[in-house]
Amino acid sequence: MDVERRLANLEENMSIALGRLNAVHSLVVVVARQLPTDVAVRCASAAREAASRIEADLVASPLPESMILEMQRVINEGIMVLDAAAKAKQ
């Protein structure tokens, strides 16, 4: 397989993967906003606790820094959505 074709396949696969990831992210946000208040509060608390452990694992991992930063950003965004879901129903 020539380089141009391989690059085109990689770009297509990356687009598919990003599309799937964005769909899952959107679905999680919608679900989080529908949670009962007490569940949203518990989920936000658990996510905050898990974020610390995940961050420690990420720092020790060989993943690229850009990937680590994006994972941390998305986790924190999820926590913000859960917090907003908990506050909106109080």
PDB file of N, CA and C in Angstrom:
ATOM      1  N   MET A   1       0.867  -1.184   0.000  1.00  0.00           N
ATOM      2  CA  MET A   1       0.000   0.000   0.000  1.00  0.00           C
ATOM      3  C   MET A   1       0.902   1.231   0.000  1.00  0.00           C
ATOM      4  N   ASP A   2       0.627   2.155  -0.885  1.00  0.00           N
ATOM      5  CA  ASP A   2       1.476   3.344  -0.965  1.00  0.00           C
ATOM      6  C   ASP A   2       1.188   4.317   0.184  1.00  0.00           C
ATOM      7  N   VAL A   3       2.093   5.240   0.389  1.00  0.00           N
ATOM      8  CA  VAL A   3       2.026   6.173   1.513  1.00  0.00           C
ATOM      9  C   VAL A   3       0.777   7.047   1.439  1.00  0.00           C
ATOM     10  N   GLU A   4       0.433   7.519   0.263  1.00  0.00           N
ATOM     11  CA  GLU A   4      -0.746   8.385   0.120  1.00  0.00           C
ATOM     12  C   GLU A   4      -2.029   7.648   0.488  1.00  0.00           C
ATOM     13  N   ARG A   5      -2.115   6.416   0.079  1.00  0.00           N
ATOM     14  CA  ARG A   5      -3.306   5.630   0.405  1.00  0.00           C
ATOM     15  C   ARG A   5      -3.369   5.331   1.905  1.00  0.00           C
ATOM     16  N   ARG A   6      -2.231   4.997   2.492  1.00  0.00           N
ATOM     17  CA  ARG A   6      -2.187   4.751   3.930  1.00  0.00           C
ATOM     18  C   ARG A   6      -2.582   6.003   4.706  1.00  0.00           C
ATOM     19  N   LEU A   7      -2.100   7.148   4.266  1.00  0.00           N
ATOM     20  CA  LEU A   7      -2.455   8.407   4.919  1.00  0.00           C
ATOM     21  C   LEU A   7      -3.950   8.672   4.802  1.00  0.00           C
ATOM     22  N   ALA A   8      -4.513   8.439   3.645  1.00  0.00           N
ATOM     23  CA  ALA A   8      -5.955   8.630   3.448  1.00  0.00           C
ATOM     24  C   ALA A   8      -6.746   7.690   4.364  1.00  0.00           C
ATOM     25  N   ASN A   9      -6.286   6.441   4.490  1.00  0.00           N
ATOM     26  CA  ASN A   9      -6.958   5.488   5.392  1.00  0.00           C
ATOM     27  C   ASN A   9      -6.855   5.944   6.838  1.00  0.00           C
ATOM     28  N   LEU A  10      -5.692   6.416   7.244  1.00  0.00           N
ATOM     29  CA  LEU A  10      -5.521   6.917   8.613  1.00  0.00           C
ATOM     30  C   LEU A  10      -6.429   8.108   8.888  1.00  0.00           C
ATOM     31  N   GLU A  11      -6.500   9.029   7.947  1.00  0.00           N
ATOM     32  CA  GLU A  11      -7.363  10.196   8.111  1.00  0.00           C
ATOM     33  C   GLU A  11      -8.828   9.779   8.217  1.00  0.00           C
ATOM     34  N   GLU A  12      -9.249   8.839   7.403  1.00  0.00           N
ATOM     35  CA  GLU A  12     -10.632   8.360   7.450  1.00  0.00           C
ATOM     36  C   GLU A  12     -10.919   7.674   8.784  1.00  0.00           C
ATOM     37  N   ASN A  13     -10.000   6.820   9.216  1.00  0.00           N
ATOM     38  CA  ASN A  13     -10.184   6.136  10.498  1.00  0.00           C
ATOM     39  C   ASN A  13     -10.185   7.122  11.655  1.00  0.00           C
ATOM     40  N   MET A  14      -9.369   8.156  11.594  1.00  0.00           N
ATOM     41  CA  MET A  14      -9.349   9.173  12.643  1.00  0.00           C
ATOM     42  C   MET A  14     -10.672   9.935  12.667  1.00  0.00           C
ATOM     43  N   SER A  15     -11.208  10.234  11.507  1.00  0.00           N
ATOM     44  CA  SER A  15     -12.510  10.917  11.448  1.00  0.00           C
ATOM     45  C   SER A  15     -13.610  10.061  12.049  1.00  0.00           C
ATOM     46  N   ILE A  16     -13.592   8.778  11.755  1.00  0.00           N
ATOM     47  CA  ILE A  16     -14.593   7.866  12.312  1.00  0.00           C
ATOM     48  C   ILE A  16     -14.446   7.793  13.827  1.00  0.00           C
ATOM     49  N   ALA A  17     -13.213   7.635  14.307  1.00  0.00           N
ATOM     50  CA  ALA A  17     -12.979   7.543  15.754  1.00  0.00           C
ATOM     51  C   ALA A  17     -13.408   8.825  16.463  1.00  0.00           C
ATOM     52  N   LEU A  18     -13.083   9.977  15.893  1.00  0.00           N
ATOM     53  CA  LEU A  18     -13.486  11.243  16.510  1.00  0.00           C
ATOM     54  C   LEU A  18     -15.000  11.415  16.481  1.00  0.00           C
ATOM     55  N   GLY A  19     -15.634  10.983  15.415  1.00  0.00           N
ATOM     56  CA  GLY A  19     -17.095  11.050  15.346  1.00  0.00           C
ATOM     57  C   GLY A  19     -17.735  10.199  16.429  1.00  0.00           C
ATOM     58  N   ARG A  20     -17.215   9.011  16.619  1.00  0.00           N
ATOM     59  CA  ARG A  20     -17.741   8.139  17.669  1.00  0.00           C
ATOM     60  C   ARG A  20     -17.509   8.744  19.048  1.00  0.00           C
ATOM     61  N   LEU A  21     -16.323   9.258  19.262  1.00  0.00           N
ATOM     62  CA  LEU A  21     -15.998   9.858  20.553  1.00  0.00           C
ATOM     63  C   LEU A  21     -16.894  11.060  20.842  1.00  0.00           C
ATOM     64  N   ASN A  22     -17.098  11.907  19.859  1.00  0.00           N
ATOM     65  CA  ASN A  22     -17.969  13.072  20.049  1.00  0.00           C
ATOM     66  C   ASN A  22     -19.400  12.654  20.325  1.00  0.00           C
ATOM     67  N   ALA A  23     -19.858  11.589  19.675  1.00  0.00           N
ATOM     68  CA  ALA A  23     -21.215  11.104  19.917  1.00  0.00           C
ATOM     69  C   ALA A  23     -21.357  10.582  21.349  1.00  0.00           C
ATOM     70  N   VAL A  24     -20.384   9.819  21.811  1.00  0.00           N
ATOM     71  CA  VAL A  24     -20.427   9.298  23.182  1.00  0.00           C
ATOM     72  C   VAL A  24     -20.380  10.454  24.174  1.00  0.00           C
ATOM     73  N   HIS A  25     -19.523  11.423  23.933  1.00  0.00           N
ATOM     74  CA  HIS A  25     -19.420  12.589  24.808  1.00  0.00           C
ATOM     75  C   HIS A  25     -20.753  13.328  24.881  1.00  0.00           C
ATOM     76  N   SER A  26     -21.377  13.548  23.750  1.00  0.00           N
ATOM     77  CA  SER A  26     -22.672  14.241  23.717  1.00  0.00           C
ATOM     78  C   SER A  26     -23.736  13.452  24.459  1.00  0.00           C
ATOM     79  N   LEU A  27     -23.738  12.151  24.267  1.00  0.00           N
ATOM     80  CA  LEU A  27     -24.723  11.307  24.940  1.00  0.00           C
ATOM     81  C   LEU A  27     -24.524  11.343  26.453  1.00  0.00           C
ATOM     82  N   VAL A  28     -23.301  11.293  26.910  1.00  0.00           N
ATOM     83  CA  VAL A  28     -23.017  11.343  28.346  1.00  0.00           C
ATOM     84  C   VAL A  28     -23.500  12.667  28.939  1.00  0.00           C
ATOM     85  N   VAL A  29     -23.294  13.753  28.233  1.00  0.00           N
ATOM     86  CA  VAL A  29     -23.750  15.059  28.722  1.00  0.00           C
ATOM     87  C   VAL A  29     -25.277  15.077  28.839  1.00  0.00           C
ATOM     88  N   VAL A  30     -25.966  14.553  27.845  1.00  0.00           N
ATOM     89  CA  VAL A  30     -27.432  14.510  27.883  1.00  0.00           C
ATOM     90  C   VAL A  30     -27.912  13.664  29.062  1.00  0.00           C
ATOM     91  N   VAL A  31     -27.315  12.500  29.242  1.00  0.00           N
ATOM     92  CA  VAL A  31     -27.703  11.617  30.346  1.00  0.00           C
ATOM     93  C   VAL A  31     -27.423  12.294  31.684  1.00  0.00           C
ATOM     94  N   ALA A  32     -26.262  12.908  31.823  1.00  0.00           N
ATOM     95  CA  ALA A  32     -25.892  13.564  33.086  1.00  0.00           C
ATOM     96  C   ALA A  32     -26.898  14.636  33.464  1.00  0.00           C
ATOM     97  N   ARG A  33     -27.397  15.351  32.481  1.00  0.00           N
ATOM     98  CA  ARG A  33     -28.361  16.414  32.767  1.00  0.00           C
ATOM     99  C   ARG A  33     -29.722  15.880  33.189  1.00  0.00           C
ATOM    100  N   GLN A  34     -29.990  14.612  32.943  1.00  0.00           N
ATOM    101  CA  GLN A  34     -31.278  14.019  33.303  1.00  0.00           C
ATOM    102  C   GLN A  34     -31.237  13.288  34.641  1.00  0.00           C
ATOM    103  N   LEU A  35     -30.079  13.207  35.252  1.00  0.00           N
ATOM    104  CA  LEU A  35     -29.949  12.462  36.505  1.00  0.00           C
ATOM    105  C   LEU A  35     -30.708  13.137  37.639  1.00  0.00           C
ATOM    106  N   PRO A  36     -31.262  12.352  38.542  1.00  0.00           N
ATOM    107  CA  PRO A  36     -31.836  12.940  39.748  1.00  0.00           C
ATOM    108  C   PRO A  36     -30.736  13.669  40.528  1.00  0.00           C
ATOM    109  N   THR A  37     -31.111  14.679  41.270  1.00  0.00           N
ATOM    110  CA  THR A  37     -30.144  15.524  41.977  1.00  0.00           C
ATOM    111  C   THR A  37     -29.182  14.718  42.827  1.00  0.00           C
ATOM    112  N   ASP A  38     -29.700  13.817  43.658  1.00  0.00           N
ATOM    113  CA  ASP A  38     -28.813  13.069  44.546  1.00  0.00           C
ATOM    114  C   ASP A  38     -27.824  12.204  43.770  1.00  0.00           C
ATOM    115  N   VAL A  39     -28.265  11.672  42.655  1.00  0.00           N
ATOM    116  CA  VAL A  39     -27.379  10.848  41.828  1.00  0.00           C
ATOM    117  C   VAL A  39     -26.320  11.729  41.173  1.00  0.00           C
ATOM    118  N   ALA A  40     -26.704  12.887  40.672  1.00  0.00           N
ATOM    119  CA  ALA A  40     -25.742  13.804  40.054  1.00  0.00           C
ATOM    120  C   ALA A  40     -24.685  14.247  41.062  1.00  0.00           C
ATOM    121  N   VAL A  41     -25.103  14.515  42.305  1.00  0.00           N
ATOM    122  CA  VAL A  41     -24.162  14.921  43.353  1.00  0.00           C
ATOM    123  C   VAL A  41     -23.170  13.795  43.625  1.00  0.00           C
ATOM    124  N   ARG A  42     -23.684  12.575  43.763  1.00  0.00           N
ATOM    125  CA  ARG A  42     -22.788  11.430  44.032  1.00  0.00           C
ATOM    126  C   ARG A  42     -21.860  11.170  42.850  1.00  0.00           C
ATOM    127  N   CYS A  43     -22.373  11.282  41.644  1.00  0.00           N
ATOM    128  CA  CYS A  43     -21.546  11.066  40.459  1.00  0.00           C
ATOM    129  C   CYS A  43     -20.450  12.121  40.342  1.00  0.00           C
ATOM    130  N   ALA A  44     -20.789  13.373  40.616  1.00  0.00           N
ATOM    131  CA  ALA A  44     -19.782  14.442  40.566  1.00  0.00           C
ATOM    132  C   ALA A  44     -18.698  14.202  41.602  1.00  0.00           C
ATOM    133  N   SER A  45     -19.091  13.796  42.786  1.00  0.00           N
ATOM    134  CA  SER A  45     -18.124  13.515  43.851  1.00  0.00           C
ATOM    135  C   SER A  45     -17.208  12.351  43.455  1.00  0.00           C
ATOM    136  N   ALA A  46     -17.809  11.289  42.955  1.00  0.00           N
ATOM    137  CA  ALA A  46     -17.017  10.129  42.533  1.00  0.00           C
ATOM    138  C   ALA A  46     -16.090  10.491  41.375  1.00  0.00           C
ATOM    139  N   ALA A  47     -16.567  11.316  40.461  1.00  0.00           N
ATOM    140  CA  ALA A  47     -15.742  11.728  39.318  1.00  0.00           C
ATOM    141  C   ALA A  47     -14.552  12.563  39.775  1.00  0.00           C
ATOM    142  N   ARG A  48     -14.776  13.446  40.754  1.00  0.00           N
ATOM    143  CA  ARG A  48     -13.665  14.252  41.288  1.00  0.00           C
ATOM    144  C   ARG A  48     -12.598  13.355  41.916  1.00  0.00           C
ATOM    145  N   GLU A  49     -13.050  12.382  42.701  1.00  0.00           N
ATOM    146  CA  GLU A  49     -12.107  11.451  43.330  1.00  0.00           C
ATOM    147  C   GLU A  49     -11.356  10.638  42.275  1.00  0.00           C
ATOM    148  N   ALA A  50     -12.081  10.155  41.294  1.00  0.00           N
ATOM    149  CA  ALA A  50     -11.456   9.364  40.240  1.00  0.00           C
ATOM    150  C   ALA A  50     -10.494  10.205  39.403  1.00  0.00           C
ATOM    151  N   ALA A  51     -10.824  11.476  39.203  1.00  0.00           N
ATOM    152  CA  ALA A  51      -9.981  12.348  38.384  1.00  0.00           C
ATOM    153  C   ALA A  51      -8.571  12.446  38.960  1.00  0.00           C
ATOM    154  N   SER A  52      -8.464  12.485  40.272  1.00  0.00           N
ATOM    155  CA  SER A  52      -7.143  12.555  40.899  1.00  0.00           C
ATOM    156  C   SER A  52      -6.332  11.295  40.605  1.00  0.00           C
ATOM    157  N   ARG A  53      -6.975  10.158  40.720  1.00  0.00           N
ATOM    158  CA  ARG A  53      -6.279   8.890  40.442  1.00  0.00           C
ATOM    159  C   ARG A  53      -5.936   8.772  38.958  1.00  0.00           C
ATOM    160  N   ILE A  54      -6.877   9.167  38.120  1.00  0.00           N
ATOM    161  CA  ILE A  54      -6.643   9.105  36.680  1.00  0.00           C
ATOM    162  C   ILE A  54      -5.487  10.021  36.297  1.00  0.00           C
ATOM    163  N   GLU A  55      -5.466  11.223  36.867  1.00  0.00           N
ATOM    164  CA  GLU A  55      -4.391  12.171  36.563  1.00  0.00           C
ATOM    165  C   GLU A  55      -3.031  11.596  36.944  1.00  0.00           C
ATOM    166  N   ALA A  56      -2.957  10.960  38.101  1.00  0.00           N
ATOM    167  CA  ALA A  56      -1.688  10.352  38.523  1.00  0.00           C
ATOM    168  C   ALA A  56      -1.263   9.257  37.544  1.00  0.00           C
ATOM    169  N   ASP A  57      -2.221   8.453  37.108  1.00  0.00           N
ATOM    170  CA  ASP A  57      -1.912   7.400  36.136  1.00  0.00           C
ATOM    171  C   ASP A  57      -1.466   7.993  34.802  1.00  0.00           C
ATOM    172  N   LEU A  58      -2.128   9.062  34.386  1.00  0.00           N
ATOM    173  CA  LEU A  58      -1.786   9.686  33.108  1.00  0.00           C
ATOM    174  C   LEU A  58      -0.385  10.276  33.135  1.00  0.00           C
ATOM    175  N   VAL A  59      -0.047  10.938  34.221  1.00  0.00           N
ATOM    176  CA  VAL A  59       1.286  11.561  34.324  1.00  0.00           C
ATOM    177  C   VAL A  59       2.380  10.497  34.225  1.00  0.00           C
ATOM    178  N   ALA A  60       2.102   9.327  34.782  1.00  0.00           N
ATOM    179  CA  ALA A  60       3.094   8.248  34.759  1.00  0.00           C
ATOM    180  C   ALA A  60       3.074   7.461  33.444  1.00  0.00           C
ATOM    181  N   SER A  61       2.143   7.757  32.576  1.00  0.00           N
ATOM    182  CA  SER A  61       1.996   6.986  31.332  1.00  0.00           C
ATOM    183  C   SER A  61       2.888   7.568  30.229  1.00  0.00           C
ATOM    184  N   PRO A  62       3.113   6.771  29.190  1.00  0.00           N
ATOM    185  CA  PRO A  62       3.910   7.253  28.058  1.00  0.00           C
ATOM    186  C   PRO A  62       3.079   8.008  27.012  1.00  0.00           C
ATOM    187  N   LEU A  63       1.835   8.337  27.345  1.00  0.00           N
ATOM    188  CA  LEU A  63       0.971   9.022  26.382  1.00  0.00           C
ATOM    189  C   LEU A  63       1.503  10.419  26.075  1.00  0.00           C
ATOM    190  N   PRO A  64       1.231  10.921  24.877  1.00  0.00           N
ATOM    191  CA  PRO A  64       1.646  12.284  24.537  1.00  0.00           C
ATOM    192  C   PRO A  64       0.956  13.305  25.452  1.00  0.00           C
ATOM    193  N   GLU A  65       1.655  14.369  25.739  1.00  0.00           N
ATOM    194  CA  GLU A  65       1.117  15.401  26.644  1.00  0.00           C
ATOM    195  C   GLU A  65      -0.192  15.979  26.125  1.00  0.00           C
ATOM    196  N   SER A  66      -0.297  16.161  24.813  1.00  0.00           N
ATOM    197  CA  SER A  66      -1.529  16.718  24.250  1.00  0.00           C
ATOM    198  C   SER A  66      -2.723  15.805  24.544  1.00  0.00           C
ATOM    199  N   MET A  67      -2.517  14.499  24.514  1.00  0.00           N
ATOM    200  CA  MET A  67      -3.593  13.554  24.811  1.00  0.00           C
ATOM    201  C   MET A  67      -3.957  13.612  26.293  1.00  0.00           C
ATOM    202  N   ILE A  68      -2.956  13.685  27.132  1.00  0.00           N
ATOM    203  CA  ILE A  68      -3.181  13.764  28.578  1.00  0.00           C
ATOM    204  C   ILE A  68      -3.967  15.019  28.922  1.00  0.00           C
ATOM    205  N   LEU A  69      -3.555  16.147  28.367  1.00  0.00           N
ATOM    206  CA  LEU A  69      -4.244  17.412  28.654  1.00  0.00           C
ATOM    207  C   LEU A  69      -5.690  17.375  28.182  1.00  0.00           C
ATOM    208  N   GLU A  70      -5.927  16.776  27.031  1.00  0.00           N
ATOM    209  CA  GLU A  70      -7.299  16.694  26.518  1.00  0.00           C
ATOM    210  C   GLU A  70      -8.152  15.771  27.382  1.00  0.00           C
ATOM    211  N   MET A  71      -7.580  14.669  27.831  1.00  0.00           N
ATOM    212  CA  MET A  71      -8.322  13.765  28.711  1.00  0.00           C
ATOM    213  C   MET A  71      -8.681  14.469  30.009  1.00  0.00           C
ATOM    214  N   GLN A  72      -7.749  15.210  30.573  1.00  0.00           N
ATOM    215  CA  GLN A  72      -8.024  15.952  31.803  1.00  0.00           C
ATOM    216  C   GLN A  72      -9.096  17.007  31.575  1.00  0.00           C
ATOM    217  N   ARG A  73      -9.044  17.687  30.436  1.00  0.00           N
ATOM    218  CA  ARG A  73     -10.032  18.714  30.118  1.00  0.00           C
ATOM    219  C   ARG A  73     -11.428  18.113  30.020  1.00  0.00           C
ATOM    220  N   VAL A  74     -11.539  16.972  29.343  1.00  0.00           N
ATOM    221  CA  VAL A  74     -12.851  16.336  29.162  1.00  0.00           C
ATOM    222  C   VAL A  74     -13.388  15.813  30.490  1.00  0.00           C
ATOM    223  N   ILE A  75     -12.521  15.238  31.313  1.00  0.00           N
ATOM    224  CA  ILE A  75     -12.952  14.779  32.637  1.00  0.00           C
ATOM    225  C   ILE A  75     -13.488  15.958  33.445  1.00  0.00           C
ATOM    226  N   ASN A  76     -12.760  17.057  33.449  1.00  0.00           N
ATOM    227  CA  ASN A  76     -13.200  18.233  34.205  1.00  0.00           C
ATOM    228  C   ASN A  76     -14.494  18.812  33.644  1.00  0.00           C
ATOM    229  N   GLU A  77     -14.653  18.758  32.337  1.00  0.00           N
ATOM    230  CA  GLU A  77     -15.902  19.221  31.731  1.00  0.00           C
ATOM    231  C   GLU A  77     -17.058  18.338  32.182  1.00  0.00           C
ATOM    232  N   GLY A  78     -16.836  17.040  32.237  1.00  0.00           N
ATOM    233  CA  GLY A  78     -17.869  16.119  32.713  1.00  0.00           C
ATOM    234  C   GLY A  78     -18.266  16.413  34.146  1.00  0.00           C
ATOM    235  N   ILE A  79     -17.291  16.718  34.982  1.00  0.00           N
ATOM    236  CA  ILE A  79     -17.565  17.065  36.378  1.00  0.00           C
ATOM    237  C   ILE A  79     -18.399  18.343  36.441  1.00  0.00           C
ATOM    238  N   MET A  80     -18.073  19.310  35.593  1.00  0.00           N
ATOM    239  CA  MET A  80     -18.842  20.563  35.563  1.00  0.00           C
ATOM    240  C   MET A  80     -20.288  20.298  35.148  1.00  0.00           C
ATOM    241  N   VAL A  81     -20.497  19.405  34.177  1.00  0.00           N
ATOM    242  CA  VAL A  81     -21.855  19.071  33.737  1.00  0.00           C
ATOM    243  C   VAL A  81     -22.630  18.419  34.876  1.00  0.00           C
ATOM    244  N   LEU A  82     -21.983  17.499  35.586  1.00  0.00           N
ATOM    245  CA  LEU A  82     -22.631  16.849  36.727  1.00  0.00           C
ATOM    246  C   LEU A  82     -22.957  17.857  37.822  1.00  0.00           C
ATOM    247  N   ASP A  83     -22.024  18.757  38.108  1.00  0.00           N
ATOM    248  CA  ASP A  83     -22.287  19.804  39.108  1.00  0.00           C
ATOM    249  C   ASP A  83     -23.474  20.673  38.681  1.00  0.00           C
ATOM    250  N   ALA A  84     -23.505  21.049  37.420  1.00  0.00           N
ATOM    251  CA  ALA A  84     -24.599  21.886  36.937  1.00  0.00           C
ATOM    252  C   ALA A  84     -25.924  21.127  37.005  1.00  0.00           C
ATOM    253  N   ALA A  85     -25.893  19.831  36.707  1.00  0.00           N
ATOM    254  CA  ALA A  85     -27.112  19.031  36.795  1.00  0.00           C
ATOM    255  C   ALA A  85     -27.610  18.966  38.220  1.00  0.00           C
ATOM    256  N   ALA A  86     -26.709  18.856  39.157  1.00  0.00           N
ATOM    257  CA  ALA A  86     -27.097  18.790  40.576  1.00  0.00           C
ATOM    258  C   ALA A  86     -27.658  20.121  41.057  1.00  0.00           C
ATOM    259  N   LYS A  87     -27.072  21.216  40.628  1.00  0.00           N
ATOM    260  CA  LYS A  87     -27.506  22.538  41.077  1.00  0.00           C
ATOM    261  C   LYS A  87     -28.800  22.978  40.410  1.00  0.00           C
ATOM    262  N   ALA A  88     -28.995  22.582  39.169  1.00  0.00           N
ATOM    263  CA  ALA A  88     -30.179  23.030  38.405  1.00  0.00           C
ATOM    264  C   ALA A  88     -31.473  22.478  38.996  1.00  0.00           C
ATOM    265  N   LYS A  89     -31.384  21.380  39.709  1.00  0.00           N
ATOM    266  CA  LYS A  89     -32.590  20.755  40.239  1.00  0.00           C
ATOM    267  C   LYS A  89     -32.824  21.069  41.707  1.00  0.00           C
ATOM    268  N   GLN A  90     -31.947  21.855  42.292  1.00  0.00           N
ATOM    269  CA  GLN A  90     -32.116  22.171  43.714  1.00  0.00           C
ATOM    270  C   GLN A  90     -33.014  23.370  43.901  1.00  0.00           C
TER     271      GLN A  90
END
